[in-house]
């Protein structure tokens, strides 16, 4: 018997959760269920995170959380409960299988069967944003080696566990050479530990186009947070319906399982909603806690029900579907098919699987870190880079002098183009003139000179070399 925490959520959430729990019970899942309330009511009661402290205590004690969709009120500073939960609980891996159910569910991709494994905690989803000038805001993209290693290792272990043949990495490291470049580098390193699994890398834009056009060429895709969020919804939709897809969020201690769709409040209370997405999340939950035989029985019964043409309104199609049913009736049909196998769709086999056991991240020996300069970011309302260059060239120390100015990443001084449009946000790079390391006191001196000159420095970024290699990007056009 495994103790789990559930939340019925908002909108159609209570209906699809009740249907899912009924199926689990009738299939013989050994679960002790403890319920918490999350979502809209909690938000509107004044809790901007959407979950109370006592509920957190229950989730962290039970370690396994099955959550129905929730509604986040618009405005008012309400934070996404999904993002908060993933970060608080260290749920670094988001797993979304996307499989075609052709010919029973309409799709242009009848051979599609892929899994998207998305890094879940970092990237732009750190949500660190600042307005820096009248015209410019920034969002920090944070990528860590531990984050890369954990998600990429998970992807290869998942592929090995489920008999998948290939893992594909998607990044944009031709542009973001430091952040996405680290992800690609770690992917190449870890791939060598799995010689039996094919590996490849695609640039995200052409890779996404290829996935949308020919998804059958992919097997397991591993990627960063934002890319994975977009790709997984696209993949679920082209497989047949976002409403059929479930999601697992896996951490070293805790795990959360859910449907990928929203709370659909317009369909609430009408016995219309399709519980398949949440049920798919629950099947992944059963596999995670070791109740693989029950998971296999439910999944094959679900496939058999889809084959029989017993469909909810969202997937019902004249000429293919045989019977349109509501939420409760769809659950009953699955229960009636427990023990049955699909005849056309490929049956699943989970019973021999064991829980994935991943090595704990071990921090590498620190690199030799050398300070070689600083970027001063300015709020300056002028429009002529040469004028700013002249103003800043007088700012210098024994080892620091101005080497470059960029605007929105493009080099505008020295030797800029008059056609380049500039905002009021400027990056001004000061680098060592000696080729040796700097003392931070020189940067403080530089900032003091800038203050005395009336220059509005809004932030600084120190420039480091690690083992002699630059840890910073060049300006576009350098």
Protein backbone atom coordinates (compact mmCIF):
# COMPACT_ATOMS: atom_id res chain seq x y z
CA UNK A 1 0.00 0.00 0.00
CA UNK A 2 1.45 3.34 -1.08
CA UNK A 3 0.28 6.60 0.47
CA UNK A 4 -0.23 9.38 -2.10
CA UNK A 5 -1.48 12.97 -2.01
CA UNK A 6 -4.17 14.07 -4.46
CA UNK A 7 -5.68 17.43 -5.39
CA UNK A 8 -8.90 17.61 -7.40
CA UNK A 9 -8.20 21.13 -8.64
CA UNK A 10 -10.64 23.40 -10.46
CA UNK A 11 -13.01 23.34 -13.44
CA UNK A 12 -13.21 19.78 -14.79
CA UNK A 13 -10.57 18.69 -12.27
CA UNK A 14 -12.90 17.06 -9.68
CA UNK A 15 -14.75 15.06 -12.36
CA UNK A 16 -11.68 13.66 -14.08
CA UNK A 17 -9.99 12.95 -10.74
CA UNK A 18 -13.01 10.99 -9.49
CA UNK A 19 -13.10 9.00 -12.74
CA UNK A 20 -9.35 8.30 -12.57
CA UNK A 21 -9.43 7.20 -8.93
CA UNK A 22 -12.37 4.91 -9.67
CA UNK A 23 -10.41 3.21 -12.45
CA UNK A 24 -7.34 2.84 -10.22
CA UNK A 25 -9.42 1.29 -7.46
CA UNK A 26 -11.18 -1.17 -9.74
CA UNK A 27 -7.87 -2.17 -11.34
CA UNK A 28 -6.48 -3.11 -7.94
CA UNK A 29 -4.06 -0.25 -7.29
CA UNK A 30 -2.82 -0.40 -3.71
CA UNK A 31 -3.14 3.22 -2.70
CA UNK A 32 -3.91 5.13 0.48
CA UNK A 33 -5.19 8.54 -0.60
CA UNK A 34 -4.90 11.83 1.28
CA UNK A 35 -6.52 14.87 -0.31
CA UNK A 36 -5.48 18.52 -0.21
CA UNK A 37 -7.06 21.63 -1.71
CA UNK A 38 -5.08 23.71 -4.17
CA UNK A 39 -5.88 26.24 -6.85
CA UNK A 40 -8.46 28.97 -7.30
CA UNK A 41 -10.12 28.88 -3.87
CA UNK A 42 -6.77 28.95 -2.13
CA UNK A 43 -5.53 31.79 -4.34
CA UNK A 44 -8.66 33.87 -3.73
CA UNK A 45 -8.40 33.26 0.01
CA UNK A 46 -5.22 35.34 -0.09
CA UNK A 47 -2.51 32.73 -0.68
CA UNK A 48 -0.62 33.87 -3.78
CA UNK A 49 1.08 30.46 -4.21
CA UNK A 50 -2.24 28.56 -4.43
CA UNK A 51 -1.33 26.02 -1.74
CA UNK A 52 -1.31 26.20 2.05
CA UNK A 53 1.66 25.27 4.28
CA UNK A 54 -0.19 22.28 5.77
CA UNK A 55 -0.74 20.95 2.25
CA UNK A 56 2.97 21.27 1.50
CA UNK A 57 3.66 19.21 4.61
CA UNK A 58 1.42 16.43 3.31
CA UNK A 59 2.95 16.47 -0.17
CA UNK A 60 6.51 16.31 1.14
CA UNK A 61 5.64 13.54 3.60
CA UNK A 62 3.95 11.31 1.02
CA UNK A 63 6.43 12.12 -1.80
CA UNK A 64 3.89 11.24 -4.55
CA UNK A 65 1.37 13.85 -5.75
CA UNK A 66 -1.43 13.27 -8.30
CA UNK A 67 -2.83 16.66 -9.28
CA UNK A 68 -5.82 17.63 -11.44
CA UNK A 69 -5.71 20.91 -13.43
CA UNK A 70 -6.14 24.16 -11.53
CA UNK A 71 -7.20 27.70 -12.41
CA UNK A 72 -4.76 30.53 -11.65
CA UNK A 73 -6.64 33.85 -11.33
CA UNK A 74 -5.52 36.56 -13.72
CA UNK A 75 -3.49 39.45 -12.30
CA UNK A 76 -2.91 40.07 -8.62
CA UNK A 77 0.61 38.63 -8.50
CA UNK A 78 -0.54 35.00 -8.34
CA UNK A 79 2.33 32.56 -8.95
CA UNK A 80 2.02 29.40 -11.05
CA UNK A 81 1.50 26.46 -8.70
CA UNK A 82 2.99 24.08 -11.26
CA UNK A 83 6.24 26.05 -11.50
CA UNK A 84 6.36 26.53 -7.72
CA UNK A 85 5.79 22.83 -7.03
CA UNK A 86 8.44 21.74 -9.50
CA UNK A 87 11.03 24.02 -7.95
CA UNK A 88 10.21 23.51 -4.26
CA UNK A 89 10.22 19.72 -4.64
CA UNK A 90 13.21 19.56 -6.99
CA UNK A 91 11.17 17.96 -9.79
CA UNK A 92 13.85 18.41 -12.40
CA UNK A 93 12.46 16.07 -15.07
CA UNK A 94 9.19 16.55 -16.97
CA UNK A 95 8.26 13.45 -18.97
CA UNK A 96 5.57 13.61 -21.68
CA UNK A 97 4.91 10.58 -23.91
CA UNK A 98 3.16 11.50 -27.18
CA UNK A 99 1.83 8.56 -29.16
CA UNK A 100 -0.50 8.36 -32.15
CA UNK A 101 -3.68 6.32 -31.69
CA UNK A 102 -4.30 6.00 -35.43
CA UNK A 103 -6.75 5.12 -36.92
CA UNK A 104 -9.03 5.64 -33.92
CA UNK A 105 -7.97 9.22 -33.15
CA UNK A 106 -7.49 11.56 -36.10
CA UNK A 107 -3.85 12.48 -36.78
CA UNK A 108 -1.66 13.27 -39.76
CA UNK A 109 1.14 11.24 -38.14
CA UNK A 110 0.00 7.62 -37.72
CA UNK A 111 3.46 6.28 -36.81
CA UNK A 112 4.28 8.83 -34.12
CA UNK A 113 5.57 7.45 -30.81
CA UNK A 114 7.98 9.74 -28.99
CA UNK A 115 8.73 10.95 -25.48
CA UNK A 116 9.78 14.51 -24.65
CA UNK A 117 11.93 14.86 -21.54
CA UNK A 118 12.15 18.49 -20.52
CA UNK A 119 14.39 20.13 -17.94
CA UNK A 120 11.97 21.49 -15.40
CA UNK A 121 13.63 23.94 -13.01
CA UNK A 122 15.99 26.29 -14.84
CA UNK A 123 16.27 28.29 -18.07
CA UNK A 124 14.06 31.36 -18.47
CA UNK A 125 11.55 29.71 -16.10
CA UNK A 126 13.69 30.87 -13.21
CA UNK A 127 11.44 33.92 -13.69
CA UNK A 128 14.18 36.43 -12.80
CA UNK A 129 13.19 39.63 -14.60
CA UNK A 130 14.05 43.31 -14.21
CA UNK A 131 13.15 46.52 -15.94
CA UNK A 132 16.51 48.20 -16.47
CA UNK A 133 15.76 51.33 -18.50
CA UNK A 134 12.72 53.12 -19.88
CA UNK A 135 12.88 50.92 -22.97
CA UNK A 136 14.41 47.59 -21.91
CA UNK A 137 13.55 44.71 -19.60
CA UNK A 138 15.65 41.60 -19.11
CA UNK A 139 14.91 37.97 -18.23
CA UNK A 140 17.84 35.90 -16.99
CA UNK A 141 18.40 32.49 -18.59
CA UNK A 142 20.10 30.32 -15.98
CA UNK A 143 21.60 26.96 -16.99
CA UNK A 144 23.65 24.89 -14.54
CA UNK A 145 25.88 21.88 -15.06
CA UNK A 146 24.01 19.90 -12.35
CA UNK A 147 20.70 20.72 -14.07
CA UNK A 148 22.05 19.59 -17.45
CA UNK A 149 23.62 16.41 -16.10
CA UNK A 150 20.54 15.31 -14.17
CA UNK A 151 18.04 15.74 -17.01
CA UNK A 152 20.27 14.29 -19.72
CA UNK A 153 21.20 11.28 -17.57
CA UNK A 154 17.50 10.77 -16.86
CA UNK A 155 16.72 10.81 -20.60
CA UNK A 156 19.25 8.09 -21.38
CA UNK A 157 18.18 5.97 -18.39
CA UNK A 158 14.55 6.32 -19.45
CA UNK A 159 15.45 5.24 -22.99
CA UNK A 160 17.28 2.19 -21.63
CA UNK A 161 14.41 1.32 -19.26
CA UNK A 162 11.70 1.47 -21.92
CA UNK A 163 13.68 -0.05 -24.79
CA UNK A 164 13.97 3.18 -26.74
CA UNK A 165 16.68 3.28 -29.42
CA UNK A 166 17.63 6.95 -29.76
CA UNK A 167 17.95 10.14 -27.70
CA UNK A 168 17.90 13.50 -29.50
CA UNK A 169 19.10 16.76 -27.93
CA UNK A 170 17.50 20.08 -29.00
CA UNK A 171 19.29 23.38 -28.28
CA UNK A 172 20.03 26.76 -29.86
CA UNK A 173 23.75 26.68 -29.17
CA UNK A 174 24.64 28.30 -32.48
CA UNK A 175 23.39 31.53 -30.86
CA UNK A 176 23.52 30.93 -27.08
CA UNK A 177 26.96 29.38 -27.06
CA UNK A 178 27.45 29.57 -23.30
CA UNK A 179 24.07 28.44 -21.92
CA UNK A 180 22.72 26.13 -24.62
CA UNK A 181 26.32 25.27 -25.42
CA UNK A 182 26.73 23.81 -21.93
CA UNK A 183 23.62 21.65 -22.38
CA UNK A 184 24.93 20.30 -25.70
CA UNK A 185 28.39 19.71 -24.24
CA UNK A 186 27.01 17.71 -21.31
CA UNK A 187 24.79 15.74 -23.69
CA UNK A 188 27.82 14.68 -25.73
CA UNK A 189 29.70 13.72 -22.55
CA UNK A 190 26.91 11.59 -21.10
CA UNK A 191 26.02 9.93 -24.42
CA UNK A 192 29.36 8.09 -24.32
CA UNK A 193 28.10 6.14 -21.28
CA UNK A 194 25.29 4.64 -23.39
CA UNK A 195 26.94 3.23 -26.53
CA UNK A 196 23.92 1.03 -27.27
CA UNK A 197 21.64 4.07 -27.64
CA UNK A 198 21.91 6.26 -30.73
CA UNK A 199 22.35 9.97 -30.01
CA UNK A 200 22.01 13.11 -32.12
CA UNK A 201 21.68 16.88 -31.78
CA UNK A 202 19.36 19.28 -33.63
CA UNK A 203 19.15 23.06 -33.54
CA UNK A 204 15.76 23.74 -31.98
CA UNK A 205 14.14 25.65 -34.85
CA UNK A 206 14.77 23.12 -37.62
CA UNK A 207 14.35 20.29 -35.10
CA UNK A 208 10.90 21.56 -34.12
CA UNK A 209 9.97 21.86 -37.80
CA UNK A 210 11.14 18.30 -38.40
CA UNK A 211 9.21 17.02 -35.38
CA UNK A 212 6.01 18.72 -36.54
CA UNK A 213 6.46 17.33 -40.06
CA UNK A 214 8.01 13.89 -39.46
CA UNK A 215 7.71 13.00 -35.76
CA UNK A 216 8.28 9.31 -36.43
CA UNK A 217 12.03 9.93 -36.89
CA UNK A 218 12.33 10.83 -33.19
CA UNK A 219 12.22 8.53 -30.17
CA UNK A 220 13.27 10.34 -26.98
CA UNK A 221 13.86 14.11 -27.12
CA UNK A 222 15.69 15.87 -24.28
CA UNK A 223 15.79 19.64 -24.15
CA UNK A 224 15.76 22.78 -22.01
CA UNK A 225 12.75 24.10 -20.14
CA UNK A 226 11.20 26.63 -22.53
CA UNK A 227 11.81 24.59 -25.68
CA UNK A 228 10.41 21.49 -24.00
CA UNK A 229 7.29 23.29 -22.83
CA UNK A 230 6.46 24.41 -26.37
CA UNK A 231 7.51 21.18 -28.09
CA UNK A 232 5.57 18.89 -25.79
CA UNK A 233 2.27 20.69 -26.41
CA UNK A 234 2.92 20.67 -30.16
CA UNK A 235 3.76 16.95 -30.02
CA UNK A 236 0.66 16.14 -27.97
CA UNK A 237 -1.57 18.04 -30.38
CA UNK A 238 -0.20 16.51 -33.59
CA UNK A 239 -0.42 13.06 -31.99
CA UNK A 240 -4.18 13.56 -31.78
CA UNK A 241 -5.19 15.76 -28.85
CA UNK A 242 -3.61 17.66 -25.97
CA UNK A 243 -6.49 16.28 -23.91
CA UNK A 244 -5.09 12.75 -24.12
CA UNK A 245 -1.62 13.48 -22.76
CA UNK A 246 -0.31 12.98 -19.26
CA UNK A 247 2.82 14.26 -17.61
CA UNK A 248 5.26 13.10 -14.93
CA UNK A 249 7.44 15.48 -12.94
CA UNK A 250 10.24 13.51 -11.32
CA UNK A 251 12.73 14.55 -8.64
CA UNK A 252 15.29 12.79 -6.47
CA UNK A 253 12.77 12.47 -3.61
CA UNK A 254 9.30 13.54 -4.79
CA UNK A 255 7.20 13.19 -7.94
CA UNK A 256 4.07 14.89 -9.29
CA UNK A 257 1.74 13.48 -11.97
CA UNK A 258 -0.89 15.38 -13.94
CA UNK A 259 -2.67 15.97 -17.24
CA UNK A 260 -1.04 18.56 -19.47
CA UNK A 261 -4.29 20.38 -20.29
CA UNK A 262 -5.95 23.14 -18.30
CA UNK A 263 -9.00 23.24 -16.06
CA UNK A 264 -11.52 24.02 -18.86
CA UNK A 265 -14.05 25.76 -16.57
CA UNK A 266 -16.64 26.04 -19.40
CA UNK A 267 -16.98 22.22 -19.37
CA UNK A 268 -17.10 21.84 -15.59
CA UNK A 269 -19.95 19.87 -14.03
CA UNK A 270 -21.38 18.61 -17.34
CA UNK A 271 -20.03 15.02 -17.32
CA UNK A 272 -18.33 15.76 -20.66
CA UNK A 273 -14.62 15.96 -19.89
CA UNK A 274 -12.17 13.34 -21.10
CA UNK A 275 -10.23 11.92 -18.11
CA UNK A 276 -7.55 10.37 -20.35
CA UNK A 277 -4.84 12.97 -19.69
CA UNK A 278 -5.02 12.58 -15.92
CA UNK A 279 -5.36 8.81 -16.29
CA UNK A 280 -2.15 8.77 -18.35
CA UNK A 281 -0.46 10.70 -15.56
CA UNK A 282 -1.79 8.15 -13.06
CA UNK A 283 -0.42 5.25 -15.14
CA UNK A 284 3.00 6.92 -15.03
CA UNK A 285 2.54 7.28 -11.26
CA UNK A 286 1.85 3.57 -10.86
CA UNK A 287 4.99 2.75 -12.81
CA UNK A 288 6.95 5.17 -10.64
CA UNK A 289 5.85 3.53 -7.37
CA UNK A 290 6.41 0.00 -8.66
CA UNK A 291 2.79 -1.05 -9.28
CA UNK A 292 3.66 -1.87 -12.88
CA UNK A 293 1.22 -4.73 -13.38
CA UNK A 294 -1.72 -2.48 -12.49
CA UNK A 295 -0.33 0.27 -14.74
CA UNK A 296 -0.06 -2.20 -17.63
CA UNK A 297 -3.60 -3.48 -17.07
CA UNK A 298 -5.09 0.03 -17.06
CA UNK A 299 -3.14 1.22 -20.09
CA UNK A 300 -4.13 -1.77 -22.20
CA UNK A 301 -7.77 -1.41 -21.11
CA UNK A 302 -7.66 2.28 -22.09
CA UNK A 303 -6.22 1.40 -25.51
CA UNK A 304 -8.88 -1.27 -25.98
CA UNK A 305 -11.61 1.26 -25.12
CA UNK A 306 -10.21 3.75 -27.66
CA UNK A 307 -10.19 0.93 -30.24
CA UNK A 308 -13.82 0.08 -29.54
CA UNK A 309 -14.78 3.62 -30.53
CA UNK A 310 -16.14 4.53 -27.10
CA UNK A 311 -15.13 8.19 -27.07
CA UNK A 312 -15.82 11.41 -25.20
CA UNK A 313 -17.00 14.44 -27.20
CA UNK A 314 -13.51 15.88 -27.76
CA UNK A 315 -12.27 12.87 -29.74
CA UNK A 316 -15.59 11.67 -31.16
CA UNK A 317 -15.65 11.51 -34.96
CA UNK A 318 -18.46 10.24 -37.18
CA UNK A 319 -17.48 7.16 -39.12
CA UNK A 320 -14.72 6.24 -36.67
CA UNK A 321 -16.26 6.51 -33.22
CA UNK A 322 -19.04 4.13 -32.26
CA UNK A 323 -20.46 5.74 -29.15
CA UNK A 324 -20.23 9.20 -27.58
CA UNK A 325 -20.04 8.98 -23.79
CA UNK A 326 -19.55 11.21 -20.78
CA UNK A 327 -16.76 11.20 -18.21
CA UNK A 328 -18.33 8.57 -15.95
CA UNK A 329 -19.35 6.31 -18.82
CA UNK A 330 -15.86 6.44 -20.33
CA UNK A 331 -14.40 5.36 -16.98
CA UNK A 332 -16.90 2.50 -16.79
CA UNK A 333 -15.93 1.36 -20.28
CA UNK A 334 -12.26 1.23 -19.29
CA UNK A 335 -13.12 -0.74 -16.16
CA UNK A 336 -15.13 -3.21 -18.25
CA UNK A 337 -12.04 -3.70 -20.43
CA UNK A 338 -9.63 -4.42 -17.58
CA UNK A 339 -7.80 -7.58 -18.56
CA UNK A 340 -8.39 -6.98 -22.27
CA UNK A 341 -5.70 -6.17 -24.82
CA UNK A 342 -5.92 -3.85 -27.83
CA UNK A 343 -6.10 -5.67 -31.17
CA UNK A 344 -4.73 -2.95 -33.48
CA UNK A 345 -2.87 -0.52 -31.24
CA UNK A 346 0.37 -1.81 -29.76
CA UNK A 347 -0.19 -3.20 -26.24
CA UNK A 348 2.16 -2.03 -23.51
CA UNK A 349 4.36 -4.14 -21.26
CA UNK A 350 5.47 -2.51 -18.01
CA UNK A 351 5.49 -5.47 -15.62
CA UNK A 352 9.25 -6.14 -15.79
CA UNK A 353 10.22 -2.51 -15.27
CA UNK A 354 11.91 -1.32 -12.10
CA UNK A 355 12.14 2.20 -10.74
CA UNK A 356 14.84 4.32 -12.34
CA UNK A 357 17.80 4.77 -10.00
CA UNK A 358 19.99 7.66 -11.03
CA UNK A 359 23.38 8.54 -9.56
CA UNK A 360 23.47 11.57 -7.28
CA UNK A 361 25.21 14.54 -8.90
CA UNK A 362 28.84 14.89 -7.88
CA UNK A 363 30.33 18.35 -8.07
CA UNK A 364 33.41 18.60 -10.30
CA UNK A 365 36.76 19.99 -9.13
CA UNK A 366 36.65 23.79 -9.40
CA UNK A 367 38.25 25.34 -12.46
CA UNK A 368 40.93 28.03 -12.26
CA UNK A 369 38.85 31.21 -12.33
CA UNK A 370 40.47 34.43 -13.52
CA UNK A 371 38.82 37.87 -13.55
CA UNK A 372 39.68 39.56 -16.88
CA UNK A 373 37.17 42.38 -17.16
CA UNK A 374 33.67 43.66 -16.54
CA UNK A 375 30.60 44.67 -18.54
CA UNK A 376 28.96 47.88 -17.34
CA UNK A 377 25.31 48.15 -18.39
CA UNK A 378 24.17 51.74 -18.72
CA UNK A 379 20.91 53.65 -18.99
CA UNK A 380 21.86 56.35 -21.51
CA UNK A 381 19.36 58.24 -23.63
CA UNK A 382 21.74 59.37 -26.35
CA UNK A 383 21.63 57.78 -29.77
CA UNK A 384 25.21 58.08 -31.07
CA UNK A 385 27.50 55.21 -30.00
CA UNK A 386 30.60 57.21 -30.91
CA UNK A 387 29.53 59.91 -28.45
CA UNK A 388 29.14 57.30 -25.69
CA UNK A 389 32.46 55.74 -26.65
CA UNK A 390 34.18 59.11 -26.29
CA UNK A 391 32.50 59.65 -22.90
CA UNK A 392 33.55 56.25 -21.55
CA UNK A 393 37.06 56.07 -23.01
CA UNK A 394 38.31 58.37 -20.28
CA UNK A 395 37.19 55.82 -17.66
CA UNK A 396 40.12 53.48 -17.05
CA UNK A 397 42.39 51.95 -14.46
CA UNK A 398 45.90 50.56 -14.60
CA UNK A 399 44.58 47.32 -16.12
CA UNK A 400 41.11 48.19 -17.49
CA UNK A 401 40.01 50.10 -20.56
CA UNK A 402 36.94 50.24 -22.82
CA UNK A 403 37.06 47.62 -25.58
CA UNK A 404 33.50 47.42 -26.93
CA UNK A 405 29.97 48.80 -26.66
CA UNK A 406 26.91 46.77 -27.70
CA UNK A 407 23.22 47.60 -27.90
CA UNK A 408 20.81 44.65 -27.65
CA UNK A 409 23.84 42.42 -28.20
CA UNK A 410 25.12 43.94 -31.48
CA UNK A 411 28.48 45.76 -31.51
CA UNK A 412 27.98 49.48 -32.11
CA UNK A 413 31.42 50.78 -31.02
CA UNK A 414 34.06 50.81 -32.31
CA UNK A 415 33.30 50.64 -36.01
CA UNK A 416 29.54 50.31 -35.71
CA UNK A 417 26.98 50.86 -38.47
CA UNK A 418 24.88 54.00 -38.56
CA UNK A 419 21.90 51.87 -39.69
CA UNK A 420 21.81 49.93 -36.38
CA UNK A 421 18.84 50.97 -34.23
CA UNK A 422 19.80 51.59 -30.60
CA UNK A 423 17.70 51.64 -27.44
CA UNK A 424 18.64 53.34 -24.16
CA UNK A 425 20.30 50.17 -22.80
CA UNK A 426 24.06 49.79 -23.46
CA UNK A 427 26.59 47.11 -22.59
CA UNK A 428 30.07 48.61 -22.23
CA UNK A 429 32.89 46.09 -22.00
CA UNK A 430 36.05 46.94 -20.11
CA UNK A 431 38.82 44.35 -20.41
CA UNK A 432 42.27 43.92 -18.96
CA UNK A 433 45.03 45.63 -20.91
CA UNK A 434 47.79 43.53 -19.37
CA UNK A 435 46.40 40.09 -20.19
CA UNK A 436 46.68 39.24 -16.50
CA UNK A 437 44.01 38.79 -13.88
CA UNK A 438 42.33 41.77 -12.23
CA UNK A 439 41.74 42.78 -8.67
CA UNK A 440 38.08 43.64 -8.00
CA UNK A 441 39.25 46.93 -6.51
CA UNK A 442 39.90 48.08 -10.09
CA UNK A 443 36.24 47.47 -10.96
CA UNK A 444 35.20 49.42 -7.87
CA UNK A 445 37.49 52.23 -9.04
CA UNK A 446 35.90 52.11 -12.49
CA UNK A 447 32.42 52.33 -10.99
CA UNK A 448 33.50 55.27 -8.86
CA UNK A 449 34.77 57.10 -11.94
CA UNK A 450 31.49 56.36 -13.75
CA UNK A 451 29.54 57.80 -10.81
CA UNK A 452 31.63 60.96 -10.76
CA UNK A 453 31.13 61.33 -14.53
CA UNK A 454 27.35 61.13 -14.12
CA UNK A 455 27.09 57.77 -15.94
CA UNK A 456 24.02 55.73 -14.88
CA UNK A 457 25.37 52.20 -14.34
CA UNK A 458 22.37 49.91 -13.82
CA UNK A 459 24.22 46.60 -13.42
CA UNK A 460 27.60 44.94 -13.89
CA UNK A 461 28.66 41.48 -15.05
CA UNK A 462 32.22 40.42 -14.27
CA UNK A 463 34.10 38.64 -17.06
CA UNK A 464 35.91 35.46 -16.09
CA UNK A 465 38.07 32.87 -17.75
CA UNK A 466 37.78 29.29 -16.52
CA UNK A 467 40.94 27.25 -17.05
CA UNK A 468 41.96 29.84 -19.61
CA UNK A 469 38.73 29.70 -21.63
CA UNK A 470 36.41 32.75 -21.82
CA UNK A 471 33.26 32.38 -19.73
CA UNK A 472 31.42 35.13 -21.61
CA UNK A 473 30.05 35.71 -25.09
CA UNK A 474 31.44 38.03 -27.73
CA UNK A 475 29.33 40.87 -29.04
CA UNK A 476 27.43 40.10 -32.25
CA UNK A 477 29.63 41.44 -35.04
CA UNK A 478 32.90 41.10 -33.12
